Each structure stands twice: as C-alpha cells, then as structure tokens.
Amino acid sequence: WDSISKLALMAEIKKNWKKNLTVDEIKKFQQVK
C-alpha cells in the first residue's frame, strides 16, 4: 500500500465507478471497508 498503488486505486475508481478520489480522501482510508 504505497503511493503507486494509491494512484492505481484512483484510476480504477474513476474508470469503474466514475468517481473522483482525492489524496485527502485516500489518507482517510484505514481499512478496506
């Protein structure tokens, strides 16, 4: 779970869920849920 995987997560969420994910939102993620 590093910066590269976080960027990949941002891209996948935009592609699959049409939602924009910000860096601040990623920082709040503590668990998969």
PDB file of all heavy atoms in Angstrom:
ATOM      1  N   TRP A   1       0.870  -1.188   0.000  1.00  0.00           N
ATOM      2  CA  TRP A   1       0.000   0.000   0.000  1.00  0.00           C
ATOM      3  C   TRP A   1       0.906   1.238   0.000  1.00  0.00           C
ATOM      4  O   TRP A   1       1.219   1.817   1.015  1.00  0.00           O
ATOM      5  CB  TRP A   1      -0.925  -0.024   1.206  1.00  0.00           C
ATOM      6  CG  TRP A   1      -1.893   1.108   1.327  1.00  0.00           C
ATOM      7  CD1 TRP A   1      -1.935   2.031   2.319  1.00  0.00           C
ATOM      8  CD2 TRP A   1      -2.987   1.431   0.463  1.00  0.00           C
ATOM      9  NE1 TRP A   1      -2.964   2.907   2.119  1.00  0.00           N
ATOM     10  CE2 TRP A   1      -3.634   2.563   0.981  1.00  0.00           C
ATOM     11  CE3 TRP A   1      -3.479   0.874  -0.716  1.00  0.00           C
ATOM     12  CZ2 TRP A   1      -4.739   3.144   0.372  1.00  0.00           C
ATOM     13  CZ3 TRP A   1      -4.576   1.463  -1.314  1.00  0.00           C
ATOM     14  CH2 TRP A   1      -5.197   2.580  -0.778  1.00  0.00           C
ATOM     15  N   ASP A   2       1.329   1.632  -1.209  1.00  0.00           N
ATOM     16  CA  ASP A   2       2.251   2.756  -1.350  1.00  0.00           C
ATOM     17  C   ASP A   2       1.672   3.779  -2.315  1.00  0.00           C
ATOM     18  O   ASP A   2       0.530   3.663  -2.760  1.00  0.00           O
ATOM     19  CB  ASP A   2       3.628   2.268  -1.818  1.00  0.00           C
ATOM     20  CG  ASP A   2       3.571   1.506  -3.135  1.00  0.00           C
ATOM     21  OD1 ASP A   2       2.544   1.597  -3.845  1.00  0.00           O
ATOM     22  OD2 ASP A   2       4.552   0.829  -3.469  1.00  0.00           O
ATOM     23  N   SER A   3       2.460   4.791  -2.649  1.00  0.00           N
ATOM     24  CA  SER A   3       1.952   5.872  -3.498  1.00  0.00           C
ATOM     25  C   SER A   3       1.546   5.376  -4.889  1.00  0.00           C
ATOM     26  O   SER A   3       0.560   5.856  -5.457  1.00  0.00           O
ATOM     27  CB  SER A   3       2.983   6.994  -3.609  1.00  0.00           C
ATOM     28  OG  SER A   3       4.198   6.497  -4.128  1.00  0.00           O
ATOM     29  N   ILE A   4       2.272   4.415  -5.426  1.00  0.00           N
ATOM     30  CA  ILE A   4       1.932   3.884  -6.747  1.00  0.00           C
ATOM     31  C   ILE A   4       0.592   3.152  -6.706  1.00  0.00           C
ATOM     32  O   ILE A   4      -0.257   3.334  -7.588  1.00  0.00           O
ATOM     33  CB  ILE A   4       3.041   2.936  -7.273  1.00  0.00           C
ATOM     34  CG1 ILE A   4       4.385   3.660  -7.362  1.00  0.00           C
ATOM     35  CG2 ILE A   4       2.640   2.309  -8.607  1.00  0.00           C
ATOM     36  CD1 ILE A   4       4.422   4.798  -8.357  1.00  0.00           C
ATOM     37  N   SER A   5       0.373   2.350  -5.678  1.00  0.00           N
ATOM     38  CA  SER A   5      -0.887   1.620  -5.577  1.00  0.00           C
ATOM     39  C   SER A   5      -2.046   2.579  -5.315  1.00  0.00           C
ATOM     40  O   SER A   5      -3.166   2.350  -5.783  1.00  0.00           O
ATOM     41  CB  SER A   5      -0.813   0.540  -4.501  1.00  0.00           C
ATOM     42  OG  SER A   5      -0.554   1.094  -3.235  1.00  0.00           O
ATOM     43  N   LYS A   6      -1.788   3.668  -4.613  1.00  0.00           N
ATOM     44  CA  LYS A   6      -2.843   4.657  -4.368  1.00  0.00           C
ATOM     45  C   LYS A   6      -3.236   5.351  -5.672  1.00  0.00           C
ATOM     46  O   LYS A   6      -4.422   5.602  -5.918  1.00  0.00           O
ATOM     47  CB  LYS A   6      -2.394   5.663  -3.312  1.00  0.00           C
ATOM     48  CG  LYS A   6      -2.282   5.021  -1.934  1.00  0.00           C
ATOM     49  CD  LYS A   6      -1.660   5.957  -0.920  1.00  0.00           C
ATOM     50  CE  LYS A   6      -1.442   5.220   0.392  1.00  0.00           C
ATOM     51  NZ  LYS A   6      -0.715   6.032   1.364  1.00  0.00           N
ATOM     52  N   LEU A   7      -2.259   5.654  -6.505  1.00  0.00           N
ATOM     53  CA  LEU A   7      -2.557   6.241  -7.818  1.00  0.00           C
ATOM     54  C   LEU A   7      -3.352   5.260  -8.676  1.00  0.00           C
ATOM     55  O   LEU A   7      -4.302   5.652  -9.374  1.00  0.00           O
ATOM     56  CB  LEU A   7      -1.267   6.632  -8.542  1.00  0.00           C
ATOM     57  CG  LEU A   7      -0.564   7.881  -8.027  1.00  0.00           C
ATOM     58  CD1 LEU A   7       0.789   8.041  -8.709  1.00  0.00           C
ATOM     59  CD2 LEU A   7      -1.415   9.112  -8.240  1.00  0.00           C
ATOM     60  N   ALA A   8      -2.984   3.991  -8.627  1.00  0.00           N
ATOM     61  CA  ALA A   8      -3.706   2.964  -9.377  1.00  0.00           C
ATOM     62  C   ALA A   8      -5.145   2.853  -8.874  1.00  0.00           C
ATOM     63  O   ALA A   8      -6.078   2.695  -9.667  1.00  0.00           O
ATOM     64  CB  ALA A   8      -2.987   1.621  -9.265  1.00  0.00           C
ATOM     65  N   LEU A   9      -5.324   2.957  -7.564  1.00  0.00           N
ATOM     66  CA  LEU A   9      -6.672   2.908  -6.987  1.00  0.00           C
ATOM     67  C   LEU A   9      -7.502   4.087  -7.496  1.00  0.00           C
ATOM     68  O   LEU A   9      -8.661   3.923  -7.872  1.00  0.00           O
ATOM     69  CB  LEU A   9      -6.602   2.921  -5.461  1.00  0.00           C
ATOM     70  CG  LEU A   9      -7.949   2.938  -4.746  1.00  0.00           C
ATOM     71  CD1 LEU A   9      -8.735   1.661  -5.033  1.00  0.00           C
ATOM     72  CD2 LEU A   9      -7.758   3.132  -3.254  1.00  0.00           C
ATOM     73  N   MET A  10      -6.913   5.264  -7.529  1.00  0.00           N
ATOM     74  CA  MET A  10      -7.610   6.449  -8.040  1.00  0.00           C
ATOM     75  C   MET A  10      -8.083   6.214  -9.473  1.00  0.00           C
ATOM     76  O   MET A  10      -9.225   6.527  -9.818  1.00  0.00           O
ATOM     77  CB  MET A  10      -6.693   7.679  -7.973  1.00  0.00           C
ATOM     78  CG  MET A  10      -6.402   8.153  -6.580  1.00  0.00           C
ATOM     79  SD  MET A  10      -5.138   9.439  -6.530  1.00  0.00           S
ATOM     80  CE  MET A  10      -6.115  10.873  -6.941  1.00  0.00           C
ATOM     81  N   ALA A  11      -7.207   5.660 -10.293  1.00  0.00           N
ATOM     82  CA  ALA A  11      -7.541   5.409 -11.697  1.00  0.00           C
ATOM     83  C   ALA A  11      -8.648   4.363 -11.831  1.00  0.00           C
ATOM     84  O   ALA A  11      -9.578   4.531 -12.636  1.00  0.00           O
ATOM     85  CB  ALA A  11      -6.300   4.962 -12.456  1.00  0.00           C
ATOM     86  N   GLU A  12      -8.566   3.293 -11.069  1.00  0.00           N
ATOM     87  CA  GLU A  12      -9.571   2.222 -11.144  1.00  0.00           C
ATOM     88  C   GLU A  12     -10.942   2.714 -10.682  1.00  0.00           C
ATOM     89  O   GLU A  12     -11.966   2.358 -11.273  1.00  0.00           O
ATOM     90  CB  GLU A  12      -9.138   1.011 -10.308  1.00  0.00           C
ATOM     91  CG  GLU A  12      -8.046   0.195 -10.950  1.00  0.00           C
ATOM     92  CD  GLU A  12      -8.492  -0.477 -12.235  1.00  0.00           C
ATOM     93  OE1 GLU A  12      -9.587  -1.073 -12.280  1.00  0.00           O
ATOM     94  OE2 GLU A  12      -7.737  -0.396 -13.219  1.00  0.00           O
ATOM     95  N   ILE A  13     -10.961   3.511  -9.635  1.00  0.00           N
ATOM     96  CA  ILE A  13     -12.236   4.023  -9.130  1.00  0.00           C
ATOM     97  C   ILE A  13     -12.858   4.966 -10.158  1.00  0.00           C
ATOM     98  O   ILE A  13     -14.055   4.931 -10.399  1.00  0.00           O
ATOM     99  CB  ILE A  13     -12.049   4.700  -7.754  1.00  0.00           C
ATOM    100  CG1 ILE A  13     -11.839   3.609  -6.695  1.00  0.00           C
ATOM    101  CG2 ILE A  13     -13.245   5.580  -7.403  1.00  0.00           C
ATOM    102  CD1 ILE A  13     -11.569   4.103  -5.306  1.00  0.00           C
ATOM    103  N   LYS A  14     -12.025   5.790 -10.780  1.00  0.00           N
ATOM    104  CA  LYS A  14     -12.550   6.697 -11.815  1.00  0.00           C
ATOM    105  C   LYS A  14     -13.101   5.896 -13.000  1.00  0.00           C
ATOM    106  O   LYS A  14     -14.166   6.192 -13.527  1.00  0.00           O
ATOM    107  CB  LYS A  14     -11.446   7.637 -12.276  1.00  0.00           C
ATOM    108  CG  LYS A  14     -11.894   8.575 -13.373  1.00  0.00           C
ATOM    109  CD  LYS A  14     -11.338   9.946 -13.154  1.00  0.00           C
ATOM    110  CE  LYS A  14     -11.831  10.870 -14.233  1.00  0.00           C
ATOM    111  NZ  LYS A  14     -12.589  11.961 -13.710  1.00  0.00           N
ATOM    112  N   LYS A  15     -12.367   4.847 -13.388  1.00  0.00           N
ATOM    113  CA  LYS A  15     -12.763   4.026 -14.540  1.00  0.00           C
ATOM    114  C   LYS A  15     -14.019   3.202 -14.259  1.00  0.00           C
ATOM    115  O   LYS A  15     -14.938   3.164 -15.068  1.00  0.00           O
ATOM    116  CB  LYS A  15     -11.601   3.110 -14.919  1.00  0.00           C
ATOM    117  CG  LYS A  15     -11.862   2.221 -16.113  1.00  0.00           C
ATOM    118  CD  LYS A  15     -10.605   1.457 -16.472  1.00  0.00           C
ATOM    119  CE  LYS A  15     -10.866  -0.024 -16.342  1.00  0.00           C
ATOM    120  NZ  LYS A  15      -9.678  -0.834 -16.573  1.00  0.00           N
ATOM    121  N   ASN A  16     -14.063   2.553 -13.107  1.00  0.00           N
ATOM    122  CA  ASN A  16     -15.138   1.604 -12.811  1.00  0.00           C
ATOM    123  C   ASN A  16     -16.354   2.203 -12.105  1.00  0.00           C
ATOM    124  O   ASN A  16     -17.461   1.690 -12.239  1.00  0.00           O
ATOM    125  CB  ASN A  16     -14.610   0.436 -11.981  1.00  0.00           C
ATOM    126  CG  ASN A  16     -13.606  -0.389 -12.740  1.00  0.00           C
ATOM    127  OD1 ASN A  16     -13.805  -0.688 -13.907  1.00  0.00           O
ATOM    128  ND2 ASN A  16     -12.512  -0.747 -12.108  1.00  0.00           N
ATOM    129  N   TRP A  17     -16.133   3.248 -11.313  1.00  0.00           N
ATOM    130  CA  TRP A  17     -17.236   3.824 -10.539  1.00  0.00           C
ATOM    131  C   TRP A  17     -17.535   5.273 -10.923  1.00  0.00           C
ATOM    132  O   TRP A  17     -18.420   5.886 -10.361  1.00  0.00           O
ATOM    133  CB  TRP A  17     -16.941   3.735  -9.039  1.00  0.00           C
ATOM    134  CG  TRP A  17     -17.206   2.384  -8.475  1.00  0.00           C
ATOM    135  CD1 TRP A  17     -18.395   1.913  -8.013  1.00  0.00           C
ATOM    136  CD2 TRP A  17     -16.265   1.314  -8.289  1.00  0.00           C
ATOM    137  NE1 TRP A  17     -18.252   0.631  -7.564  1.00  0.00           N
ATOM    138  CE2 TRP A  17     -16.961   0.231  -7.712  1.00  0.00           C
ATOM    139  CE3 TRP A  17     -14.901   1.173  -8.542  1.00  0.00           C
ATOM    140  CZ2 TRP A  17     -16.343  -0.963  -7.400  1.00  0.00           C
ATOM    141  CZ3 TRP A  17     -14.290  -0.016  -8.230  1.00  0.00           C
ATOM    142  CH2 TRP A  17     -15.000  -1.077  -7.663  1.00  0.00           C
ATOM    143  N   LYS A  18     -16.754   5.833 -11.845  1.00  0.00           N
ATOM    144  CA  LYS A  18     -16.962   7.211 -12.307  1.00  0.00           C
ATOM    145  C   LYS A  18     -16.936   8.218 -11.156  1.00  0.00           C
ATOM    146  O   LYS A  18     -17.664   9.203 -11.153  1.00  0.00           O
ATOM    147  CB  LYS A  18     -18.288   7.349 -13.070  1.00  0.00           C
ATOM    148  CG  LYS A  18     -18.499   6.322 -14.151  1.00  0.00           C
ATOM    149  CD  LYS A  18     -17.544   6.493 -15.301  1.00  0.00           C
ATOM    150  CE  LYS A  18     -17.903   5.557 -16.445  1.00  0.00           C
ATOM    151  NZ  LYS A  18     -16.880   4.662 -16.840  1.00  0.00           N
ATOM    152  N   LYS A  19     -16.103   7.938 -10.151  1.00  0.00           N
ATOM    153  CA  LYS A  19     -15.966   8.842  -9.012  1.00  0.00           C
ATOM    154  C   LYS A  19     -14.526   9.342  -8.954  1.00  0.00           C
ATOM    155  O   LYS A  19     -13.596   8.586  -9.228  1.00  0.00           O
ATOM    156  CB  LYS A  19     -16.291   8.126  -7.693  1.00  0.00           C
ATOM    157  CG  LYS A  19     -17.747   7.781  -7.525  1.00  0.00           C
ATOM    158  CD  LYS A  19     -17.986   7.139  -6.189  1.00  0.00           C
ATOM    159  CE  LYS A  19     -18.769   8.097  -5.338  1.00  0.00           C
ATOM    160  NZ  LYS A  19     -19.118   7.553  -4.038  1.00  0.00           N
ATOM    161  N   ASN A  20     -14.383  10.595  -8.583  1.00  0.00           N
ATOM    162  CA  ASN A  20     -13.042  11.148  -8.400  1.00  0.00           C
ATOM    163  C   ASN A  20     -12.618  10.955  -6.950  1.00  0.00           C
ATOM    164  O   ASN A  20     -13.375  11.265  -6.033  1.00  0.00           O
ATOM    165  CB  ASN A  20     -13.023  12.641  -8.749  1.00  0.00           C
ATOM    166  CG  ASN A  20     -13.151  12.864 -10.233  1.00  0.00           C
ATOM    167  OD1 ASN A  20     -12.550  12.161 -11.025  1.00  0.00           O
ATOM    168  ND2 ASN A  20     -13.952  13.845 -10.616  1.00  0.00           N
ATOM    169  N   LEU A  21     -11.430  10.456  -6.775  1.00  0.00           N
ATOM    170  CA  LEU A  21     -10.870  10.194  -5.459  1.00  0.00           C
ATOM    171  C   LEU A  21      -9.698  11.140  -5.257  1.00  0.00           C
ATOM    172  O   LEU A  21      -8.794  11.192  -6.086  1.00  0.00           O
ATOM    173  CB  LEU A  21     -10.408   8.734  -5.384  1.00  0.00           C
ATOM    174  CG  LEU A  21      -9.780   8.229  -4.106  1.00  0.00           C
ATOM    175  CD1 LEU A  21     -10.766   8.344  -2.953  1.00  0.00           C
ATOM    176  CD2 LEU A  21      -9.359   6.784  -4.273  1.00  0.00           C
ATOM    177  N   THR A  22      -9.713  11.898  -4.163  1.00  0.00           N
ATOM    178  CA  THR A  22      -8.626  12.845  -3.899  1.00  0.00           C
ATOM    179  C   THR A  22      -7.598  12.229  -2.959  1.00  0.00           C
ATOM    180  O   THR A  22      -7.870  11.237  -2.281  1.00  0.00           O
ATOM    181  CB  THR A  22      -9.162  14.137  -3.262  1.00  0.00           C
ATOM    182  OG1 THR A  22      -9.664  13.829  -1.953  1.00  0.00           O
ATOM    183  CG2 THR A  22     -10.248  14.780  -4.111  1.00  0.00           C
ATOM    184  N   VAL A  23      -6.449  12.852  -2.902  1.00  0.00           N
ATOM    185  CA  VAL A  23      -5.387  12.395  -1.999  1.00  0.00           C
ATOM    186  C   VAL A  23      -5.869  12.473  -0.557  1.00  0.00           C
ATOM    187  O   VAL A  23      -5.599  11.571   0.249  1.00  0.00           O
ATOM    188  CB  VAL A  23      -4.107  13.237  -2.206  1.00  0.00           C
ATOM    189  CG1 VAL A  23      -3.059  12.897  -1.163  1.00  0.00           C
ATOM    190  CG2 VAL A  23      -3.559  13.035  -3.605  1.00  0.00           C
ATOM    191  N   ASP A  24      -6.591  13.535  -0.222  1.00  0.00           N
ATOM    192  CA  ASP A  24      -7.103  13.673   1.147  1.00  0.00           C
ATOM    193  C   ASP A  24      -8.063  12.540   1.509  1.00  0.00           C
ATOM    194  O   ASP A  24      -8.048  12.045   2.643  1.00  0.00           O
ATOM    195  CB  ASP A  24      -7.798  15.024   1.328  1.00  0.00           C
ATOM    196  CG  ASP A  24      -6.814  16.184   1.361  1.00  0.00           C
ATOM    197  OD1 ASP A  24      -5.637  15.967   1.713  1.00  0.00           O
ATOM    198  OD2 ASP A  24      -7.222  17.314   1.027  1.00  0.00           O
ATOM    199  N   GLU A  25      -8.869  12.124   0.548  1.00  0.00           N
ATOM    200  CA  GLU A  25      -9.786  11.018   0.807  1.00  0.00           C
ATOM    201  C   GLU A  25      -9.022   9.713   0.991  1.00  0.00           C
ATOM    202  O   GLU A  25      -9.354   8.913   1.871  1.00  0.00           O
ATOM    203  CB  GLU A  25     -10.804  10.897  -0.332  1.00  0.00           C
ATOM    204  CG  GLU A  25     -11.804  12.039  -0.339  1.00  0.00           C
ATOM    205  CD  GLU A  25     -12.592  12.173  -1.611  1.00  0.00           C
ATOM    206  OE1 GLU A  25     -12.053  11.846  -2.695  1.00  0.00           O
ATOM    207  OE2 GLU A  25     -13.739  12.618  -1.536  1.00  0.00           O
ATOM    208  N   ILE A  26      -7.996   9.502   0.194  1.00  0.00           N
ATOM    209  CA  ILE A  26      -7.179   8.288   0.336  1.00  0.00           C
ATOM    210  C   ILE A  26      -6.523   8.236   1.711  1.00  0.00           C
ATOM    211  O   ILE A  26      -6.445   7.179   2.330  1.00  0.00           O
ATOM    212  CB  ILE A  26      -6.115   8.197  -0.773  1.00  0.00           C
ATOM    213  CG1 ILE A  26      -6.778   7.831  -2.093  1.00  0.00           C
ATOM    214  CG2 ILE A  26      -5.052   7.159  -0.430  1.00  0.00           C
ATOM    215  CD1 ILE A  26      -5.831   7.715  -3.251  1.00  0.00           C
ATOM    216  N   LYS A  27      -6.068   9.367   2.201  1.00  0.00           N
ATOM    217  CA  LYS A  27      -5.415   9.415   3.518  1.00  0.00           C
ATOM    218  C   LYS A  27      -6.351   8.969   4.634  1.00  0.00           C
ATOM    219  O   LYS A  27      -5.899   8.492   5.669  1.00  0.00           O
ATOM    220  CB  LYS A  27      -4.901  10.826   3.809  1.00  0.00           C
ATOM    221  CG  LYS A  27      -3.701  11.211   2.985  1.00  0.00           C
ATOM    222  CD  LYS A  27      -3.259  12.630   3.308  1.00  0.00           C
ATOM    223  CE  LYS A  27      -2.077  13.047   2.451  1.00  0.00           C
ATOM    224  NZ  LYS A  27      -1.678  14.445   2.711  1.00  0.00           N
ATOM    225  N   LYS A  28      -7.655   9.119   4.417  1.00  0.00           N
ATOM    226  CA  LYS A  28      -8.642   8.723   5.432  1.00  0.00           C
ATOM    227  C   LYS A  28      -8.886   7.219   5.446  1.00  0.00           C
ATOM    228  O   LYS A  28      -9.437   6.692   6.409  1.00  0.00           O
ATOM    229  CB  LYS A  28      -9.960   9.460   5.185  1.00  0.00           C
ATOM    230  CG  LYS A  28      -9.856  10.950   5.392  1.00  0.00           C
ATOM    231  CD  LYS A  28     -11.176  11.631   5.065  1.00  0.00           C
ATOM    232  CE  LYS A  28     -11.039  13.140   5.123  1.00  0.00           C
ATOM    233  NZ  LYS A  28     -12.254  13.820   4.672  1.00  0.00           N
ATOM    234  N   PHE A  29      -8.511   6.524   4.372  1.00  0.00           N
ATOM    235  CA  PHE A  29      -8.724   5.078   4.304  1.00  0.00           C
ATOM    236  C   PHE A  29      -7.785   4.363   5.263  1.00  0.00           C
ATOM    237  O   PHE A  29      -6.572   4.428   5.110  1.00  0.00           O
ATOM    238  CB  PHE A  29      -8.485   4.544   2.885  1.00  0.00           C
ATOM    239  CG  PHE A  29      -9.436   5.052   1.843  1.00  0.00           C
ATOM    240  CD1 PHE A  29      -9.070   5.054   0.518  1.00  0.00           C
ATOM    241  CD2 PHE A  29     -10.696   5.511   2.178  1.00  0.00           C
ATOM    242  CE1 PHE A  29      -9.935   5.508  -0.470  1.00  0.00           C
ATOM    243  CE2 PHE A  29     -11.576   5.977   1.209  1.00  0.00           C
ATOM    244  CZ  PHE A  29     -11.195   5.966  -0.120  1.00  0.00           C
ATOM    245  N   GLN A  30      -8.372   3.689   6.246  1.00  0.00           N
ATOM    246  CA  GLN A  30      -7.570   2.913   7.185  1.00  0.00           C
ATOM    247  C   GLN A  30      -7.732   1.413   6.956  1.00  0.00           C
ATOM    248  O   GLN A  30      -6.802   0.658   7.152  1.00  0.00           O
ATOM    249  CB  GLN A  30      -7.941   3.277   8.622  1.00  0.00           C
ATOM    250  CG  GLN A  30      -7.573   4.709   8.954  1.00  0.00           C
ATOM    251  CD  GLN A  30      -7.920   5.067  10.374  1.00  0.00           C
ATOM    252  OE1 GLN A  30      -8.238   4.210  11.193  1.00  0.00           O
ATOM    253  NE2 GLN A  30      -7.853   6.346  10.689  1.00  0.00           N
ATOM    254  N   GLN A  31      -8.934   1.030   6.546  1.00  0.00           N
ATOM    255  CA  GLN A  31      -9.221  -0.378   6.290  1.00  0.00           C
ATOM    256  C   GLN A  31      -9.905  -0.511   4.940  1.00  0.00           C
ATOM    257  O   GLN A  31     -10.411   0.467   4.385  1.00  0.00           O
ATOM    258  CB  GLN A  31     -10.128  -0.947   7.391  1.00  0.00           C
ATOM    259  CG  GLN A  31      -9.457  -0.962   8.754  1.00  0.00           C
ATOM    260  CD  GLN A  31     -10.379  -1.506   9.821  1.00  0.00           C
ATOM    261  OE1 GLN A  31     -11.553  -1.190   9.855  1.00  0.00           O
ATOM    262  NE2 GLN A  31      -9.832  -2.338  10.697  1.00  0.00           N
ATOM    263  N   VAL A  32      -9.936  -1.717   4.422  1.00  0.00           N
ATOM    264  CA  VAL A  32     -10.575  -1.979   3.137  1.00  0.00           C
ATOM    265  C   VAL A  32     -12.029  -1.520   3.155  1.00  0.00           C
ATOM    266  O   VAL A  32     -12.529  -0.937   2.181  1.00  0.00           O
ATOM    267  CB  VAL A  32     -10.464  -3.475   2.772  1.00  0.00           C
ATOM    268  CG1 VAL A  32     -11.261  -3.801   1.523  1.00  0.00           C
ATOM    269  CG2 VAL A  32      -8.999  -3.877   2.588  1.00  0.00           C
ATOM    270  N   LYS A  33     -12.704  -1.715   4.273  1.00  0.00           N
ATOM    271  CA  LYS A  33     -14.119  -1.334   4.348  1.00  0.00           C
ATOM    272  C   LYS A  33     -14.314   0.164   4.154  1.00  0.00           C
ATOM    273  O   LYS A  33     -15.373   0.602   3.705  1.00  0.00           O
ATOM    274  CB  LYS A  33     -14.761  -1.820   5.636  1.00  0.00           C
ATOM    275  CG  LYS A  33     -14.207  -1.228   6.903  1.00  0.00           C
ATOM    276  CD  LYS A  33     -14.875  -1.869   8.106  1.00  0.00           C
ATOM    277  CE  LYS A  33     -14.146  -1.504   9.386  1.00  0.00           C
ATOM    278  NZ  LYS A  33     -14.629  -2.298  10.506  1.00  0.00           N
TER     279      LYS A  33
END
